[in-house]
C-alpha atoms as a PDB file:
ATOM      1  CA  MET A   1       0.000   0.000   0.000  1.00  0.00           C
ATOM      2  CA  LYS A   2       2.861   2.349   0.795  1.00  0.00           C
ATOM      3  CA  ARG A   3       4.257   1.853  -2.711  1.00  0.00           C
ATOM      4  CA  ILE A   4       0.978   2.542  -4.479  1.00  0.00           C
ATOM      5  CA  ILE A   5       0.732   6.179  -3.353  1.00  0.00           C
ATOM      6  CA  PRO A   6       4.206   7.244  -4.608  1.00  0.00           C
ATOM      7  CA  ILE A   7       3.692   5.349  -7.856  1.00  0.00           C
ATOM      8  CA  ALA A   8       0.310   7.022  -8.403  1.00  0.00           C
ATOM      9  CA  ALA A   9       1.810  10.433  -7.612  1.00  0.00           C
ATOM     10  CA  LEU A  10       4.641   9.775 -10.070  1.00  0.00           C
ATOM     11  CA  MET A  11       2.195   8.737 -12.775  1.00  0.00           C
ATOM     12  CA  ILE A  12       0.132  11.896 -12.258  1.00  0.00           C
ATOM     13  CA  PHE A  13       3.257  14.041 -12.327  1.00  0.00           C
ATOM     14  CA  CYS A  14       4.501  12.418 -15.551  1.00  0.00           C
ATOM     15  CA  THR A  15       1.091  12.830 -17.173  1.00  0.00           C
ATOM     16  CA  GLN A  16       1.007  16.522 -16.296  1.00  0.00           C
ATOM     17  CA  LEU A  17       4.563  16.936 -17.524  1.00  0.00           C
ATOM     18  CA  SER A  18       3.786  15.409 -20.907  1.00  0.00           C
ATOM     19  CA  PHE A  19       0.610  17.474 -21.328  1.00  0.00           C
ATOM     20  CA  GLY A  20       2.520  20.603 -20.389  1.00  0.00           C
ATOM     21  CA  GLN A  21       4.405  20.205 -23.659  1.00  0.00           C
ATOM     22  CA  CYS A  22       1.111  20.369 -25.562  1.00  0.00           C
ATOM     23  CA  ASP A  23       0.437  24.063 -25.018  1.00  0.00           C
ATOM     24  CA  ASP A  24      -1.904  24.575 -27.920  1.00  0.00           C
ATOM     25  CA  PHE A  25      -3.428  21.077 -27.963  1.00  0.00           C
ATOM     26  CA  SER A  26      -6.719  22.335 -26.556  1.00  0.00           C
ATOM     27  CA  SER A  27      -6.815  25.226 -29.013  1.00  0.00           C
ATOM     28  CA  VAL A  28      -6.254  22.943 -31.996  1.00  0.00           C
ATOM     29  CA  ILE A  29      -8.919  20.521 -30.776  1.00  0.00           C
ATOM     30  CA  ASP A  30     -11.321  23.460 -30.413  1.00  0.00           C
ATOM     31  CA  ASP A  31     -10.544  24.417 -34.012  1.00  0.00           C
ATOM     32  CA  ALA A  32     -11.299  20.889 -35.211  1.00  0.00           C
ATOM     33  CA  GLU A  33     -14.576  20.918 -33.286  1.00  0.00           C
ATOM     34  CA  SER A  34     -15.446  24.304 -34.782  1.00  0.00           C
ATOM     35  CA  TYR A  35     -14.778  23.052 -38.313  1.00  0.00           C
ATOM     36  CA  SER A  36     -17.011  20.043 -37.678  1.00  0.00           C
ATOM     37  CA  SER A  37     -19.784  22.177 -36.235  1.00  0.00           C
ATOM     38  CA  ASN A  38     -19.596  24.616 -39.152  1.00  0.00           C
ATOM     39  CA  ALA A  39     -19.682  21.732 -41.633  1.00  0.00           C
ATOM     40  CA  SER A  40     -22.806  20.363 -39.999  1.00  0.00           C
ATOM     41  CA  SER A  41     -24.486  23.767 -39.989  1.00  0.00           C
ATOM     42  CA  ASN A  42     -23.617  24.360 -43.653  1.00  0.00           C
ATOM     43  CA  ALA A  43     -24.905  20.905 -44.568  1.00  0.00           C
ATOM     44  CA  ASP A  44     -28.206  21.713 -42.839  1.00  0.00           C
ATOM     45  CA  ASP A  45     -28.387  24.980 -44.790  1.00  0.00           C
ATOM     46  CA  ALA A  46     -27.662  23.130 -48.032  1.00  0.00           C
ATOM     47  CA  TYR A  47     -30.433  20.629 -47.341  1.00  0.00           C
ATOM     48  CA  SER A  48     -32.902  23.371 -46.468  1.00  0.00           C
ATOM     49  CA  SER A  49     -32.092  25.342 -49.627  1.00  0.00           C
ATOM     50  CA  ALA A  50     -32.261  22.223 -51.815  1.00  0.00           C
ATOM     51  CA  LYS A  51     -35.673  21.418 -50.382  1.00  0.00           C
ATOM     52  CA  LYS A  52     -36.840  24.982 -51.123  1.00  0.00           C
ATOM     53  CA  ALA A  53     -35.508  24.656 -54.679  1.00  0.00           C
ATOM     54  CA  TYR A  54     -37.410  21.395 -55.136  1.00  0.00           C
ATOM     55  CA  ASN A  55     -40.632  22.937 -53.847  1.00  0.00           C
ATOM     56  CA  ALA A  56     -40.249  26.251 -55.726  1.00  0.00           C
ATOM     57  CA  ASP A  57     -43.200  27.448 -57.778  1.00  0.00           C
ATOM     58  CA  ASN A  58     -41.148  29.013 -60.562  1.00  0.00           C
ATOM     59  CA  LEU A  59     -37.831  28.557 -62.313  1.00  0.00           C
ATOM     60  CA  GLU A  60     -36.289  31.749 -60.921  1.00  0.00           C
ATOM     61  CA  ASP A  61     -36.841  30.681 -57.312  1.00  0.00           C
ATOM     62  CA  ALA A  62     -35.687  27.135 -58.051  1.00  0.00           C
ATOM     63  CA  GLN A  63     -32.440  28.434 -59.558  1.00  0.00           C
ATOM     64  CA  TYR A  64     -31.877  30.833 -56.668  1.00  0.00           C
ATOM     65  CA  TYR A  65     -32.298  28.141 -54.018  1.00  0.00           C
ATOM     66  CA  ALA A  66     -30.311  25.592 -56.030  1.00  0.00           C
ATOM     67  CA  LYS A  67     -27.363  28.000 -56.216  1.00  0.00           C
ATOM     68  CA  LYS A  68     -27.703  28.724 -52.510  1.00  0.00           C
ATOM     69  CA  ALA A  69     -27.766  24.980 -51.778  1.00  0.00           C
ATOM     70  CA  MET A  70     -24.666  24.428 -53.898  1.00  0.00           C
ATOM     71  CA  SER A  71     -22.792  27.224 -52.143  1.00  0.00           C
ATOM     72  CA  SER A  72     -23.700  25.859 -48.709  1.00  0.00           C
ATOM     73  CA  ALA A  73     -22.708  22.340 -49.772  1.00  0.00           C
ATOM     74  CA  GLU A  74     -19.318  23.583 -50.965  1.00  0.00           C
ATOM     75  CA  ASP A  75     -18.818  25.439 -47.678  1.00  0.00           C
ATOM     76  CA  ALA A  76     -19.763  22.286 -45.760  1.00  0.00           C
ATOM     77  CA  GLN A  77     -17.267  20.247 -47.755  1.00  0.00           C
ATOM     78  CA  SER A  78     -14.515  22.791 -47.162  1.00  0.00           C
ATOM     79  CA  GLU A  79     -15.135  22.862 -43.411  1.00  0.00           C
ATOM     80  CA  ALA A  80     -15.339  19.071 -43.287  1.00  0.00           C
ATOM     81  CA  ASN A  81     -11.999  18.813 -45.097  1.00  0.00           C
ATOM     82  CA  ASN A  82     -10.383  21.164 -42.573  1.00  0.00           C
ATOM     83  CA  ALA A  83     -11.510  19.202 -39.496  1.00  0.00           C
ATOM     84  CA  PRO A  84      -9.289  16.103 -39.927  1.00  0.00           C
ATOM     85  CA  SER A  85      -6.303  18.263 -40.797  1.00  0.00           C
ATOM     86  CA  SER A  86      -6.795  20.298 -37.634  1.00  0.00           C
ATOM     87  CA  ALA A  87      -7.232  17.160 -35.529  1.00  0.00           C
ATOM     88  CA  SER A  88      -4.049  15.754 -37.052  1.00  0.00           C
ATOM     89  CA  ASP A  89      -2.245  18.959 -36.086  1.00  0.00           C
ATOM     90  CA  ALA A  90      -3.362  18.379 -32.502  1.00  0.00           C
ATOM     91  CA  GLY A  91      -1.588  15.050 -32.438  1.00  0.00           C
ATOM     92  CA  SER A  92       1.603  16.447 -33.880  1.00  0.00           C
ATOM     93  CA  SER A  93       1.607  19.420 -31.492  1.00  0.00           C
ATOM     94  CA  CYS A  94       2.478  17.037 -28.678  1.00  0.00           C
ATOM     95  CA  ASP A  95       5.506  15.447 -30.330  1.00  0.00           C
END
């Protein structure tokens, strides 16, 4: 029992020491989460606009909403592509 406490304290100390080297780990993870959230929001916007284009009463409205849907879909794809890159940066920031 006497050995468990120093070993546990040493493990905690070593863990804190290794995370101390990852200064911007949390920031990079927040960025990855933000990219994912933005991608989801843009995908929702794209779906909503595509649905409005489908239900449009005239060609002008259909084209307007289709273009809006396409723009939102491209934004969603861009944000989604940035998320894994940012998450990968988080792993390398602790090397």
